[in-house]
Structures are given as C-alpha cells and as structure tokens.
Amino acid sequence: MNEKQAIDMNRTCWNTVAHHYNGIDALPNYGPFVQTEEELQLFDVVEGTCVLDIGCGSGHSLKSMSEQGASELWGLIYHRHKLIQQNRH
C-alpha cells in the first residue's frame, strides 16, 4: 500500500466511525478508562488565555476551555463531518 492509499483508507475509516467519538474523548476527559484533566493537571490555568486546538474534532475540548475562562478560542480541523458538528456548538 502506498502513502496515498494509506491516507485514503485512514480517512474512510475515520469518516465511518467519527460520529461515535462526538464528545467522548474531549476535555476534561482523555478517553475511556483514562484519568481526567482534573486528576492529571496537564494544563496550567486556562482563564484569560488564548487556546489553539489543532485537530479539534467536534470542538468539545474548546467548549471545556471556554467554560474554564479562556479568552480566545481557535480550532483547526479538516473534516467535513466534524465541521458540521462544530457549527452546532
């Protein structure tokens, strides 16, 4: 399998299952059976900061950052299905 075929296969697979992940692995959770942000404390104080989430998926982690008082939120994603979901938040 060449690189383009691998990328196409990956895209097809994620497009098929993406709706199952909507908000499931978003902050403050890192996924099933994993500690939460509250337990791990990987982020410093978010209040008043500018947040850039690359690969922001459904935007649920950005919503969490907003609830923690981030002053500016930016999310980047290149996935049509996720963009539709983001527009709902």
N, C-alpha and C. Protein backbone atom coordinates (compact mmCIF):
# COMPACT_ATOMS: atom_id res chain seq x y z
N MET A 1 0.85 -1.17 0.00
CA MET A 1 0.00 0.00 0.00
C MET A 1 0.90 1.24 0.00
N ASN A 2 0.62 2.14 -0.91
CA ASN A 2 1.43 3.37 -0.95
C ASN A 2 0.84 4.41 0.02
N GLU A 3 1.54 5.54 0.14
CA GLU A 3 1.15 6.56 1.12
C GLU A 3 -0.24 7.10 0.84
N LYS A 4 -0.56 7.38 -0.42
CA LYS A 4 -1.88 7.93 -0.75
C LYS A 4 -2.98 6.93 -0.40
N GLN A 5 -2.75 5.65 -0.69
CA GLN A 5 -3.75 4.63 -0.36
C GLN A 5 -3.94 4.54 1.15
N ALA A 6 -2.85 4.64 1.90
CA ALA A 6 -2.94 4.57 3.36
C ALA A 6 -3.73 5.75 3.91
N ILE A 7 -3.47 6.94 3.38
CA ILE A 7 -4.20 8.14 3.81
C ILE A 7 -5.67 8.03 3.45
N ASP A 8 -5.96 7.57 2.24
CA ASP A 8 -7.35 7.40 1.82
C ASP A 8 -8.07 6.38 2.70
N MET A 9 -7.39 5.29 3.04
CA MET A 9 -8.00 4.26 3.89
C MET A 9 -8.26 4.82 5.29
N ASN A 10 -7.29 5.55 5.82
CA ASN A 10 -7.45 6.15 7.13
C ASN A 10 -8.64 7.11 7.14
N ARG A 11 -8.75 7.95 6.11
CA ARG A 11 -9.85 8.91 6.00
C ARG A 11 -11.18 8.17 5.95
N THR A 12 -11.26 7.14 5.15
CA THR A 12 -12.50 6.38 5.02
C THR A 12 -12.91 5.76 6.35
N CYS A 13 -11.93 5.18 7.04
CA CYS A 13 -12.23 4.57 8.35
C CYS A 13 -12.72 5.59 9.35
N TRP A 14 -12.02 6.72 9.46
CA TRP A 14 -12.44 7.75 10.41
C TRP A 14 -13.79 8.35 10.03
N ASN A 15 -14.05 8.52 8.75
CA ASN A 15 -15.35 9.05 8.33
C ASN A 15 -16.47 8.09 8.73
N THR A 16 -16.17 6.81 8.76
CA THR A 16 -17.16 5.81 9.13
C THR A 16 -17.47 5.82 10.62
N VAL A 17 -16.46 6.02 11.45
CA VAL A 17 -16.66 5.92 12.91
C VAL A 17 -16.70 7.26 13.63
N ALA A 18 -16.48 8.36 12.93
CA ALA A 18 -16.35 9.67 13.58
C ALA A 18 -17.53 10.02 14.47
N HIS A 19 -18.73 9.69 14.05
CA HIS A 19 -19.90 10.07 14.84
C HIS A 19 -19.94 9.39 16.20
N HIS A 20 -19.23 8.27 16.37
CA HIS A 20 -19.17 7.58 17.66
C HIS A 20 -18.30 8.33 18.67
N TYR A 21 -17.41 9.20 18.20
CA TYR A 21 -16.46 9.88 19.06
C TYR A 21 -16.90 11.29 19.44
N ASN A 22 -18.05 11.71 19.01
CA ASN A 22 -18.51 13.07 19.24
C ASN A 22 -18.61 13.38 20.73
N GLY A 23 -17.57 14.06 21.27
CA GLY A 23 -17.56 14.46 22.66
C GLY A 23 -17.10 13.42 23.65
N ILE A 24 -16.79 12.21 23.19
CA ILE A 24 -16.40 11.14 24.09
C ILE A 24 -14.98 11.34 24.63
N ASP A 25 -14.02 11.72 23.79
CA ASP A 25 -12.64 11.91 24.25
C ASP A 25 -12.30 13.39 24.34
N ALA A 26 -13.22 14.19 24.73
CA ALA A 26 -12.98 15.63 24.83
C ALA A 26 -12.67 16.01 26.27
N LEU A 27 -11.94 17.09 26.42
CA LEU A 27 -11.64 17.58 27.77
C LEU A 27 -12.95 17.88 28.50
N PRO A 28 -13.01 17.61 29.76
CA PRO A 28 -11.91 17.29 30.67
C PRO A 28 -11.54 15.82 30.72
N ASN A 29 -12.09 15.00 29.83
CA ASN A 29 -11.72 13.57 29.78
C ASN A 29 -10.77 13.32 28.62
N TYR A 30 -9.90 12.35 28.80
CA TYR A 30 -8.96 11.99 27.73
C TYR A 30 -9.35 10.70 27.04
N GLY A 31 -10.44 10.11 27.42
CA GLY A 31 -10.91 8.88 26.80
C GLY A 31 -11.39 7.92 27.86
N PRO A 32 -11.96 6.80 27.43
CA PRO A 32 -12.45 5.83 28.40
C PRO A 32 -11.29 5.18 29.16
N PHE A 33 -11.51 4.91 30.42
CA PHE A 33 -10.54 4.22 31.29
C PHE A 33 -9.23 4.98 31.46
N VAL A 34 -9.28 6.30 31.34
CA VAL A 34 -8.10 7.14 31.47
C VAL A 34 -8.42 8.23 32.49
N GLN A 35 -7.39 8.69 33.19
CA GLN A 35 -7.60 9.76 34.15
C GLN A 35 -8.13 11.01 33.44
N THR A 36 -8.75 11.86 34.23
CA THR A 36 -9.30 13.12 33.70
C THR A 36 -8.26 14.23 33.81
N GLU A 37 -8.54 15.35 33.19
CA GLU A 37 -7.67 16.52 33.31
C GLU A 37 -7.56 16.96 34.77
N GLU A 38 -8.65 16.86 35.51
CA GLU A 38 -8.61 17.23 36.93
C GLU A 38 -7.58 16.39 37.69
N GLU A 39 -7.48 15.11 37.35
CA GLU A 39 -6.52 14.23 38.02
C GLU A 39 -5.09 14.44 37.51
N LEU A 40 -4.93 14.60 36.21
CA LEU A 40 -3.59 14.70 35.62
C LEU A 40 -3.01 16.11 35.70
N GLN A 41 -3.87 17.11 35.61
CA GLN A 41 -3.46 18.52 35.63
C GLN A 41 -2.35 18.81 34.62
N LEU A 42 -2.60 18.46 33.36
CA LEU A 42 -1.63 18.70 32.29
C LEU A 42 -1.63 20.16 31.84
N PHE A 43 -2.76 20.84 32.03
CA PHE A 43 -2.87 22.23 31.64
C PHE A 43 -2.65 23.13 32.84
N ASP A 44 -2.02 24.26 32.60
CA ASP A 44 -1.89 25.30 33.61
C ASP A 44 -3.24 26.02 33.67
N VAL A 45 -3.30 27.13 34.33
CA VAL A 45 -4.53 27.93 34.40
C VAL A 45 -4.92 28.34 32.99
N VAL A 46 -6.17 28.09 32.63
CA VAL A 46 -6.67 28.39 31.29
C VAL A 46 -7.32 29.78 31.24
N GLU A 47 -7.83 30.23 32.34
CA GLU A 47 -8.54 31.51 32.39
C GLU A 47 -7.69 32.64 31.82
N GLY A 48 -8.28 33.38 30.85
CA GLY A 48 -7.62 34.52 30.25
C GLY A 48 -6.61 34.19 29.16
N THR A 49 -6.49 32.93 28.80
CA THR A 49 -5.51 32.54 27.77
C THR A 49 -6.15 32.40 26.40
N CYS A 50 -5.30 32.38 25.39
CA CYS A 50 -5.71 32.09 24.02
C CYS A 50 -5.40 30.62 23.77
N VAL A 51 -6.38 29.87 23.29
CA VAL A 51 -6.23 28.43 23.09
C VAL A 51 -6.32 28.10 21.60
N LEU A 52 -5.35 27.34 21.12
CA LEU A 52 -5.37 26.81 19.75
C LEU A 52 -5.42 25.29 19.86
N ASP A 53 -6.48 24.69 19.36
CA ASP A 53 -6.65 23.24 19.38
C ASP A 53 -6.52 22.75 17.94
N ILE A 54 -5.39 22.13 17.64
CA ILE A 54 -5.14 21.60 16.29
C ILE A 54 -5.68 20.18 16.24
N GLY A 55 -6.61 19.96 15.32
CA GLY A 55 -7.29 18.67 15.26
C GLY A 55 -8.40 18.64 16.30
N CYS A 56 -9.16 19.71 16.36
CA CYS A 56 -10.13 19.93 17.43
C CYS A 56 -11.36 19.03 17.37
N GLY A 57 -11.47 18.23 16.33
CA GLY A 57 -12.61 17.30 16.26
C GLY A 57 -13.93 18.02 16.35
N SER A 58 -14.76 17.60 17.28
CA SER A 58 -16.10 18.16 17.41
C SER A 58 -16.14 19.50 18.13
N GLY A 59 -15.02 19.93 18.68
CA GLY A 59 -14.97 21.21 19.38
C GLY A 59 -15.32 21.11 20.86
N HIS A 60 -15.58 19.91 21.36
CA HIS A 60 -15.95 19.75 22.77
C HIS A 60 -14.84 20.18 23.73
N SER A 61 -13.58 19.94 23.37
CA SER A 61 -12.48 20.37 24.25
C SER A 61 -12.40 21.89 24.30
N LEU A 62 -12.67 22.54 23.17
CA LEU A 62 -12.71 24.01 23.16
C LEU A 62 -13.83 24.51 24.05
N LYS A 63 -14.95 23.82 24.05
CA LYS A 63 -16.07 24.20 24.91
C LYS A 63 -15.63 24.11 26.37
N SER A 64 -14.90 23.06 26.72
CA SER A 64 -14.39 22.91 28.08
C SER A 64 -13.46 24.06 28.43
N MET A 65 -12.59 24.45 27.50
CA MET A 65 -11.66 25.56 27.73
C MET A 65 -12.44 26.87 27.91
N SER A 66 -13.51 27.03 27.15
CA SER A 66 -14.36 28.21 27.29
C SER A 66 -14.97 28.27 28.68
N GLU A 67 -15.44 27.12 29.15
CA GLU A 67 -16.05 27.05 30.49
C GLU A 67 -15.03 27.35 31.58
N GLN A 68 -13.74 27.16 31.27
CA GLN A 68 -12.67 27.45 32.24
C GLN A 68 -12.18 28.90 32.11
N GLY A 69 -12.78 29.66 31.20
CA GLY A 69 -12.49 31.08 31.11
C GLY A 69 -11.46 31.49 30.07
N ALA A 70 -11.16 30.64 29.10
CA ALA A 70 -10.24 31.05 28.03
C ALA A 70 -10.80 32.28 27.34
N SER A 71 -9.92 33.23 27.04
CA SER A 71 -10.40 34.49 26.47
C SER A 71 -10.55 34.44 24.95
N GLU A 72 -9.83 33.52 24.32
CA GLU A 72 -9.89 33.40 22.86
C GLU A 72 -9.72 31.93 22.50
N LEU A 73 -10.55 31.44 21.60
CA LEU A 73 -10.53 30.02 21.22
C LEU A 73 -10.38 29.89 19.71
N TRP A 74 -9.45 29.02 19.30
CA TRP A 74 -9.23 28.72 17.89
C TRP A 74 -9.18 27.22 17.73
N GLY A 75 -9.89 26.70 16.75
CA GLY A 75 -9.86 25.27 16.48
C GLY A 75 -9.63 25.02 15.00
N LEU A 76 -8.75 24.09 14.70
CA LEU A 76 -8.46 23.72 13.31
C LEU A 76 -8.83 22.26 13.08
N ILE A 77 -9.56 22.04 12.00
CA ILE A 77 -9.92 20.66 11.62
C ILE A 77 -10.18 20.65 10.12
N TYR A 78 -9.81 19.57 9.49
CA TYR A 78 -10.15 19.41 8.09
C TYR A 78 -10.90 18.10 7.96
N HIS A 79 -12.18 18.17 8.27
CA HIS A 79 -13.05 17.01 8.20
C HIS A 79 -14.47 17.53 8.11
N ARG A 80 -15.08 17.40 6.98
CA ARG A 80 -16.40 18.00 6.74
C ARG A 80 -17.43 17.58 7.79
N HIS A 81 -17.46 16.30 8.16
CA HIS A 81 -18.44 15.82 9.14
C HIS A 81 -18.25 16.55 10.48
N LYS A 82 -17.01 16.74 10.91
CA LYS A 82 -16.74 17.42 12.17
C LYS A 82 -17.08 18.90 12.09
N LEU A 83 -16.86 19.52 10.95
CA LEU A 83 -17.20 20.94 10.80
C LEU A 83 -18.70 21.15 10.99
N ILE A 84 -19.49 20.22 10.49
CA ILE A 84 -20.94 20.30 10.66
C ILE A 84 -21.28 20.21 12.14
N GLN A 85 -20.63 19.27 12.85
CA GLN A 85 -20.87 19.13 14.29
C GLN A 85 -20.45 20.37 15.05
N GLN A 86 -19.30 20.96 14.69
CA GLN A 86 -18.80 22.16 15.37
C GLN A 86 -19.78 23.29 15.25
N ASN A 87 -20.40 23.44 14.10
CA ASN A 87 -21.33 24.54 13.90
C ASN A 87 -22.55 24.42 14.80
N ARG A 88 -22.79 23.25 15.37
CA ARG A 88 -23.93 23.05 16.28
C ARG A 88 -23.60 23.55 17.68
N HIS A 89 -22.33 23.78 18.01
CA HIS A 89 -21.94 24.19 19.38
C HIS A 89 -21.81 25.67 19.48
